[in-house]
Structure formats: C-alpha cells, structure tokens
Amino acid sequence: MNRKILSPALFVLFTALAAFGATRTIAFERNGSVWIANLDGSGAKKIAAGALPEISPDGTRLAFNTEGDAKNRPGPERRIAIADVASGKVTF
C-alpha cells in the first residue's frame, strides 16, 4: 500500500479512537435544575434551573427548557436555553 495514502488514513483512525477515550458527560434533571456529570456519575455540576436537558455531542453546550411568568397569558412561559458548560453562561 502506498505510504501517502496509509499515513492520512492512520491519522483519521487514531483521531477517532482518541475521541472515544475523552471524558464523556451526561446531562440530567434533579430538583428542578439541570446538571452535568461524568459518565460514571462523578463530578456533578449544577448548571441552571430548568428541565429536559440535552448535552451536545462534543460536551461543550447544554440545551434545556426554562419556565418564567407569562405576561398576560395563562400558564408559564417556556423557553429553550443554551448553556456553555465550561463558563456556565446561559443564553435564551
């Protein structure tokens, strides 16, 4: 096999394997707040008040629902929020 083809193929393979070795995180809801933790449950960190969290595939952002007071409407006002996991900054 030609070395020029083999070298990039090995690079892609090892890069993909390294991604699987990275720390994987989960997102969950507890007592009206969204949290993240390592896959084994260690390192739990509260992100914000909310529900139904979904973590991005790369583990850097968290999407979740929030509820606030609806102005002049019955029921709560629901929004989708995005939180940066590293900084904790939430945007609506």
Protein backbone atom coordinates (compact mmCIF):
# COMPACT_ATOMS: atom_id res chain seq x y z
CA MET A 1 0.00 0.00 0.00
CA ASN A 2 1.19 3.48 -0.77
CA ARG A 3 2.55 5.36 2.28
CA LYS A 4 0.94 8.61 1.13
CA ILE A 5 -2.50 7.01 1.47
CA LEU A 6 -1.75 5.00 4.60
CA SER A 7 -0.48 7.91 6.69
CA PRO A 8 -3.66 10.08 6.47
CA ALA A 9 -5.84 7.01 6.99
CA LEU A 10 -3.98 6.14 10.21
CA PHE A 11 -4.22 9.74 11.39
CA VAL A 12 -8.01 9.71 10.96
CA LEU A 13 -8.26 6.34 12.71
CA PHE A 14 -6.19 7.40 15.72
CA THR A 15 -8.04 10.72 15.99
CA ALA A 16 -11.36 8.88 16.07
CA LEU A 17 -10.09 6.45 18.69
CA ALA A 18 -8.81 9.33 20.85
CA ALA A 19 -12.27 10.91 20.79
CA PHE A 20 -13.70 7.76 22.34
CA GLY A 21 -11.13 7.96 25.13
CA ALA A 22 -12.15 11.51 26.07
CA THR A 23 -14.18 12.08 29.21
CA ARG A 24 -17.83 11.62 28.33
CA THR A 25 -20.54 13.56 30.12
CA ILE A 26 -24.22 13.10 30.79
CA ALA A 27 -26.94 15.67 31.45
CA PHE A 28 -29.78 15.11 33.88
CA GLU A 29 -32.51 16.88 35.83
CA ARG A 30 -32.65 16.96 39.64
CA ASN A 31 -34.99 19.03 41.84
CA GLY A 32 -35.97 21.46 39.08
CA SER A 33 -32.40 22.09 37.89
CA VAL A 34 -30.25 20.71 35.09
CA TRP A 35 -26.90 19.12 35.89
CA ILE A 36 -23.96 17.56 34.08
CA ALA A 37 -21.62 14.84 35.33
CA ASN A 38 -19.02 12.42 34.06
CA LEU A 39 -20.44 9.24 32.59
CA ASP A 40 -19.65 7.37 35.83
CA GLY A 41 -21.63 9.95 37.86
CA SER A 42 -18.62 11.73 39.35
CA GLY A 43 -18.03 15.47 39.13
CA ALA A 44 -21.69 16.52 39.12
CA LYS A 45 -22.15 20.24 38.42
CA LYS A 46 -25.39 22.22 38.60
CA ILE A 47 -25.85 24.37 35.51
CA ALA A 48 -29.16 26.23 35.98
CA ALA A 49 -32.84 25.94 36.84
CA GLY A 50 -34.63 24.09 34.07
CA ALA A 51 -35.84 20.79 32.68
CA LEU A 52 -35.29 18.27 29.87
CA PRO A 53 -31.52 18.76 29.36
CA GLU A 54 -29.69 17.58 26.25
CA ILE A 55 -25.90 17.81 26.05
CA SER A 56 -24.18 18.48 22.73
CA PRO A 57 -22.19 15.61 21.17
CA ASP A 58 -18.91 17.36 21.96
CA GLY A 59 -19.98 18.02 25.57
CA THR A 60 -19.44 21.79 25.42
CA ARG A 61 -23.06 23.02 25.45
CA LEU A 62 -26.31 22.07 27.14
CA ALA A 63 -29.79 22.80 25.79
CA PHE A 64 -32.75 22.76 28.18
CA ASN A 65 -36.23 24.20 28.85
CA THR A 66 -36.88 27.05 31.25
CA GLU A 67 -40.11 28.45 32.64
CA GLY A 68 -40.92 32.00 33.61
CA ASP A 69 -44.00 34.06 34.29
CA ALA A 70 -46.08 34.55 31.18
CA LYS A 71 -47.21 38.14 30.74
CA ASN A 72 -50.93 38.46 30.05
CA ARG A 73 -51.24 34.76 29.20
CA PRO A 74 -52.34 31.75 31.19
CA GLY A 75 -49.68 29.21 32.18
CA PRO A 76 -45.90 29.51 32.23
CA GLU A 77 -43.72 30.99 29.52
CA ARG A 78 -41.39 28.28 28.26
CA ARG A 79 -38.09 28.94 26.52
CA ILE A 80 -35.18 26.91 25.25
CA ALA A 81 -31.90 27.94 26.83
CA ILE A 82 -28.32 27.07 25.86
CA ALA A 83 -25.59 26.91 28.49
CA ASP A 84 -21.86 26.87 27.88
CA VAL A 85 -20.65 24.01 30.09
CA ALA A 86 -17.18 25.48 30.80
CA SER A 87 -18.28 29.00 31.72
CA GLY A 88 -21.83 28.32 32.91
CA LYS A 89 -23.13 31.24 30.82
CA VAL A 90 -26.77 30.71 29.83
CA THR A 91 -28.38 32.32 26.78
CA PHE A 92 -32.09 32.34 25.95
